[in-house]
Amino acid sequence: MSRFLGEIRQLGYVVPDIEAAMAHWTQVMGVGPFFYNPRVPIEGYRYGGEPFEVENSVALANSGFIQVELIQTRNDAPSMYRDFMQAGNMGLQHVAYWTKDFDTDLARMRELGFRIQMEGMVGANGRFVYFDREAHPGTVIELSEVKGPKGRMFDMIHEASIGWDGSDPVRPFPSLAEKSS
């Protein structure tokens, strides 16, 4: 896939207990700090082309260049995360490629036969899609737009990880509102 979309930038883990997962990653793996949102605001969420209201908790941290995303579903709305857990899986659910040219990269993936299964937007210029084709059993590809506030947040999370000393391991998500100039 990297020849189509560049480098993998995020590993997304679906977990049954996000607090326990953050504790494991910070205390055992030494990865952090995590930026945690107990209910991520997703706009325009669709699964299989149909709109739903999802409630997901998300925590993000970096280990070097790679971002680790922990996801816990909080309701039974249809999602690829729910499908993953219902299939008896736990752990790595997706790999994400980041883009600042979302429309071009999405068109390229569609030309290759990939179809959107799940999509939405987190903050302005923060569109995302998950493709229906599993690259490996249980693992799918996400294309994530990283312009605007979401891209700035991802940069801040990476910066916070550089030289992290283990203090303040879980921090709140920053605002995804656009800053006025």
Protein backbone atom coordinates (compact mmCIF):
# COMPACT_ATOMS: atom_id res chain seq x y z
CA MET A 1 0.00 0.00 0.00
CA SER A 2 2.78 2.47 0.73
CA ARG A 3 3.45 2.89 -2.97
CA PHE A 4 -0.06 4.39 -3.27
CA LEU A 5 -0.42 6.47 -0.13
CA GLY A 6 3.01 6.98 1.38
CA GLU A 7 4.00 5.89 4.87
CA ILE A 8 1.77 4.31 7.48
CA ARG A 9 1.37 6.98 10.16
CA GLN A 10 -1.02 5.41 12.65
CA LEU A 11 -1.82 2.01 14.16
CA GLY A 12 -5.41 1.81 15.41
CA TYR A 13 -6.20 -0.63 18.23
CA VAL A 14 -9.78 -1.45 19.21
CA VAL A 15 -9.89 -2.28 22.91
CA PRO A 16 -12.60 -3.28 25.41
CA ASP A 17 -11.21 -1.01 28.19
CA ILE A 18 -9.45 2.14 27.01
CA GLU A 19 -8.29 3.16 30.49
CA ALA A 20 -6.57 -0.22 30.98
CA ALA A 21 -5.09 0.04 27.47
CA MET A 22 -3.66 3.52 28.18
CA ALA A 23 -2.16 2.19 31.43
CA HIS A 24 -0.54 -0.70 29.54
CA TRP A 25 0.88 1.48 26.79
CA THR A 26 2.25 4.11 29.20
CA GLN A 27 3.50 1.82 32.00
CA VAL A 28 4.59 -1.32 30.11
CA MET A 29 5.42 0.00 26.64
CA GLY A 30 6.65 3.44 27.75
CA VAL A 31 4.57 5.20 25.08
CA GLY A 32 2.90 8.51 25.85
CA PRO A 33 1.56 10.84 26.82
CA PHE A 34 -1.91 9.90 25.63
CA PHE A 35 -4.40 12.57 24.68
CA TYR A 36 -7.82 11.22 25.60
CA ASN A 37 -11.32 12.12 24.50
CA PRO A 38 -14.10 10.08 26.14
CA ARG A 39 -16.48 10.98 23.30
CA VAL A 40 -14.98 12.09 20.02
CA PRO A 41 -17.22 14.47 18.06
CA ILE A 42 -17.66 12.89 14.63
CA GLU A 43 -19.59 14.82 12.01
CA GLY A 44 -21.23 13.25 8.97
CA TYR A 45 -20.59 9.71 10.19
CA ARG A 46 -21.74 7.02 7.78
CA TYR A 47 -21.39 3.25 7.82
CA GLY A 48 -22.26 1.36 4.64
CA GLY A 49 -23.56 4.67 3.26
CA GLU A 50 -26.09 5.11 6.10
CA PRO A 51 -25.88 7.78 8.83
CA PHE A 52 -25.57 6.73 12.47
CA GLU A 53 -24.73 8.35 15.80
CA VAL A 54 -21.61 6.71 17.17
CA GLU A 55 -20.05 7.13 20.58
CA ASN A 56 -16.37 6.30 20.64
CA SER A 57 -13.64 7.04 23.15
CA VAL A 58 -10.23 7.67 21.61
CA ALA A 59 -6.73 8.09 23.01
CA LEU A 60 -3.73 9.13 20.88
CA ALA A 61 0.01 9.03 21.55
CA ASN A 62 3.12 8.79 19.43
CA SER A 63 6.04 6.42 19.50
CA GLY A 64 8.46 8.18 17.22
CA PHE A 65 6.89 8.78 13.84
CA ILE A 66 3.99 6.33 14.43
CA GLN A 67 0.84 7.37 16.22
CA VAL A 68 -0.91 4.80 18.41
CA GLU A 69 -4.69 5.17 18.50
CA LEU A 70 -6.77 3.36 21.12
CA ILE A 71 -10.51 3.11 20.42
CA GLN A 72 -13.36 1.90 22.60
CA THR A 73 -16.91 1.87 21.27
CA ARG A 74 -19.46 3.19 23.77
CA ASN A 75 -22.70 2.31 21.98
CA ASP A 76 -23.92 -0.34 19.57
CA ALA A 77 -24.09 1.84 16.45
CA PRO A 78 -22.78 0.06 13.36
CA SER A 79 -19.06 0.61 12.85
CA MET A 80 -16.04 -1.30 11.69
CA TYR A 81 -14.80 -1.16 15.29
CA ARG A 82 -17.97 -2.92 16.49
CA ASP A 83 -17.70 -5.47 13.67
CA PHE A 84 -14.08 -6.16 14.64
CA MET A 85 -15.00 -6.84 18.28
CA GLN A 86 -18.08 -8.89 17.36
CA ALA A 87 -15.86 -11.09 15.18
CA GLY A 88 -13.92 -11.94 18.33
CA ASN A 89 -10.97 -9.68 17.55
CA MET A 90 -9.10 -7.32 19.81
CA GLY A 91 -6.02 -5.30 18.98
CA LEU A 92 -4.82 -3.85 15.67
CA GLN A 93 -7.91 -3.00 13.62
CA HIS A 94 -6.52 -0.50 11.11
CA VAL A 95 -3.48 1.19 9.70
CA ALA A 96 -3.88 4.82 8.69
CA TYR A 97 -2.26 6.85 5.98
CA TRP A 98 -2.34 10.61 6.45
CA THR A 99 -2.94 13.02 3.62
CA LYS A 100 -3.20 16.72 2.92
CA ASP A 101 -4.62 15.92 -0.54
CA PHE A 102 -7.61 13.83 0.54
CA ASP A 103 -9.66 14.03 -2.67
CA THR A 104 -6.76 12.94 -4.90
CA ASP A 105 -5.75 10.06 -2.64
CA LEU A 106 -9.36 8.92 -2.23
CA ALA A 107 -9.82 8.94 -6.02
CA ARG A 108 -6.62 6.89 -6.41
CA MET A 109 -7.88 4.26 -3.95
CA ARG A 110 -11.27 4.10 -5.68
CA GLU A 111 -9.52 3.56 -9.01
CA LEU A 112 -7.77 0.59 -7.39
CA GLY A 113 -11.14 -0.91 -6.46
CA PHE A 114 -11.34 0.14 -2.82
CA ARG A 115 -14.81 1.05 -1.54
CA ILE A 116 -15.69 3.17 1.48
CA GLN A 117 -17.28 1.27 4.35
CA MET A 118 -17.07 3.91 7.10
CA GLU A 119 -16.52 7.67 6.96
CA GLY A 120 -16.88 10.94 8.81
CA MET A 121 -15.06 14.07 9.85
CA VAL A 122 -13.27 15.12 13.04
CA GLY A 123 -12.80 18.88 13.03
CA ALA A 124 -12.58 21.08 9.94
CA ASN A 125 -10.49 19.44 7.19
CA GLY A 126 -10.40 16.24 9.19
CA ARG A 127 -12.20 13.80 6.90
CA PHE A 128 -11.57 10.09 7.21
CA VAL A 129 -12.60 6.95 5.37
CA TYR A 130 -12.12 3.29 6.13
CA PHE A 131 -12.09 0.97 3.15
CA ASP A 132 -14.10 -2.25 3.07
CA ARG A 133 -11.22 -4.45 1.96
CA GLU A 134 -9.23 -6.10 4.73
CA ALA A 135 -5.51 -5.89 4.00
CA HIS A 136 -4.99 -8.71 6.48
CA PRO A 137 -7.73 -10.58 8.32
CA GLY A 138 -9.28 -8.03 10.66
CA THR A 139 -7.05 -5.12 9.60
CA VAL A 140 -8.34 -2.40 7.28
CA ILE A 141 -6.95 0.78 5.75
CA GLU A 142 -7.92 4.26 6.87
CA LEU A 143 -7.25 7.39 4.83
CA SER A 144 -7.14 10.37 7.19
CA GLU A 145 -7.03 14.04 6.21
CA VAL A 146 -4.60 15.98 8.38
CA LYS A 147 -5.15 19.61 7.51
CA GLY A 148 -6.60 22.20 9.84
CA PRO A 149 -7.10 21.55 13.56
CA LYS A 150 -6.75 17.76 13.34
CA GLY A 151 -3.37 18.06 11.64
CA ARG A 152 -2.21 20.62 14.23
CA MET A 153 -3.40 18.31 17.02
CA PHE A 154 -1.47 15.38 15.52
CA ASP A 155 1.67 17.55 15.34
CA MET A 156 1.22 18.59 18.99
CA ILE A 157 0.78 14.94 20.09
CA HIS A 158 4.00 14.00 18.30
CA GLU A 159 5.88 16.91 19.88
CA ALA A 160 4.61 15.95 23.37
CA SER A 161 6.03 12.44 22.91
CA ILE A 162 9.57 13.64 22.20
CA GLY A 163 11.54 13.23 25.41
CA TRP A 164 8.40 12.36 27.42
CA ASP A 165 9.48 11.56 30.98
CA GLY A 166 6.43 9.53 32.03
CA SER A 167 4.71 12.38 33.87
CA ASP A 168 1.08 13.32 33.24
CA PRO A 169 0.48 10.17 31.14
CA VAL A 170 -3.15 10.91 30.22
CA ARG A 171 -4.12 14.39 29.06
CA PRO A 172 -7.30 15.85 27.58
CA PHE A 173 -7.75 16.22 23.83
CA PRO A 174 -7.09 19.77 22.67
CA SER A 175 -9.92 21.68 21.00
CA LEU A 176 -10.58 20.87 17.36
CA ALA A 177 -12.15 24.28 16.75
CA GLU A 178 -10.52 26.42 14.08
CA LYS A 179 -8.37 29.19 15.53
CA SER A 180 -9.09 32.64 14.18
CA SER A 181 -6.14 34.43 12.62
